[in-house]
Protein backbone atom coordinates (compact mmCIF):
# COMPACT_ATOMS: atom_id res chain seq x y z
CA MET A 1 146.33 -50.38 119.57
CA LEU A 2 146.53 -52.06 122.98
CA ILE A 3 149.37 -54.40 123.84
CA ASP A 4 149.59 -56.48 127.01
CA PHE A 5 152.79 -58.11 128.06
CA THR A 6 154.15 -59.94 131.08
CA ASN A 7 157.75 -59.78 132.13
CA GLY A 8 159.58 -61.57 134.93
CA GLU A 9 163.09 -60.77 136.05
CA PRO A 10 165.11 -62.12 139.00
CA THR A 11 166.29 -58.74 140.35
CA MET A 12 164.97 -55.19 140.53
CA HIS A 13 167.93 -53.98 138.47
CA ASP A 14 167.17 -56.56 135.74
CA MET A 15 163.52 -55.53 135.74
CA GLN A 16 164.30 -51.85 135.24
CA SER A 17 166.86 -52.74 132.55
CA MET A 18 164.17 -54.67 130.66
CA LEU A 19 161.70 -51.78 131.04
CA ASN A 20 164.38 -49.43 129.66
CA LEU A 21 164.82 -51.76 126.69
CA CYS A 22 161.04 -51.74 126.12
CA ASP A 23 161.06 -47.93 126.22
CA GLU A 24 163.86 -47.82 123.67
CA PHE A 25 161.99 -50.21 121.36
CA ALA A 26 158.74 -48.27 121.82
CA ARG A 27 160.31 -44.96 120.82
CA GLY A 28 161.46 -46.50 117.55
CA PHE A 29 157.92 -47.59 116.67
CA GLY A 30 155.86 -44.74 118.13
CA ILE A 31 154.46 -46.88 120.98
CA VAL A 32 153.48 -45.18 124.24
CA PHE A 33 153.18 -47.13 127.50
CA ASN A 34 150.47 -46.18 130.00
CA ALA A 35 152.13 -46.69 133.39
CA SER A 36 148.87 -45.86 135.19
CA LYS A 37 147.40 -49.10 133.80
CA SER A 38 150.50 -51.13 134.69
CA THR A 39 151.25 -53.05 137.87
CA CYS A 40 154.43 -54.64 139.10
CA ILE A 41 153.85 -57.60 141.41
CA ILE A 42 156.74 -58.54 143.69
CA ASN A 43 156.66 -61.98 145.31
CA CYS A 44 158.49 -61.58 148.59
CA ARG A 45 158.62 -64.41 151.10
CA ARG A 46 161.06 -62.61 153.37
CA ARG A 47 159.37 -59.62 154.96
CA SER A 48 162.74 -58.57 156.36
CA PHE A 49 163.73 -57.75 152.76
CA LEU A 50 160.94 -55.21 152.57
CA VAL A 51 161.66 -53.35 155.82
CA GLY A 52 162.89 -49.89 154.94
CA CYS A 53 163.05 -50.47 151.18
CA VAL A 54 159.44 -50.51 149.97
CA GLY A 55 159.47 -46.74 149.53
CA ASP A 56 162.65 -47.07 147.46
CA ILE A 57 161.25 -49.62 145.00
CA ARG A 58 160.33 -47.83 141.79
CA PHE A 59 159.91 -49.11 138.28
CA ILE A 60 159.56 -46.58 135.48
CA ILE A 61 158.28 -46.96 131.94
CA GLY A 62 157.47 -44.16 129.56
CA GLY A 63 158.85 -41.70 132.13
CA ASN A 64 156.18 -42.65 134.71
CA ASN A 65 156.14 -44.83 137.82
CA ILE A 66 154.48 -48.23 137.57
CA GLY A 67 152.08 -49.23 140.34
CA LEU A 68 153.55 -51.68 142.84
CA GLN A 69 151.84 -54.64 144.54
CA ILE A 70 153.82 -56.74 147.01
CA VAL A 71 152.55 -60.26 147.64
CA ASP A 72 153.62 -63.51 149.28
CA ILE A 73 152.88 -66.42 146.96
CA SER A 74 153.24 -69.83 148.58
CA LYS A 75 152.09 -73.39 148.06
CA ASP A 76 150.56 -75.45 150.85
CA GLY A 77 150.85 -79.23 151.31
CA ASN A 78 147.89 -79.81 148.98
CA ASN A 79 149.55 -77.86 146.13
CA ARG A 80 147.09 -75.00 146.52
CA ILE A 81 148.55 -71.59 145.80
CA ASP A 82 147.89 -68.86 148.36
CA ILE A 83 148.44 -65.23 147.45
CA ASN A 84 148.62 -62.86 150.43
CA ILE A 85 148.76 -59.14 149.75
CA LEU A 86 151.28 -57.58 152.11
């Protein structure tokens, strides 16, 4: 059985806490997460936040690292959404 889910948390700590909760739930029901098919997208408008910490950002589910994509999502004056991969 395949299950897709989307999760949004305000901090990296909150995100990992939620992933830990998902792992705990999954163990109780025999569910296995495939981290290689998972991606974490971080919307970061302040590049200064990323300097020196990108290598330290890790999210783990099922004992494996989740892929990481860092983007800048912004709206222009015409309410168009631009997504720039950093």
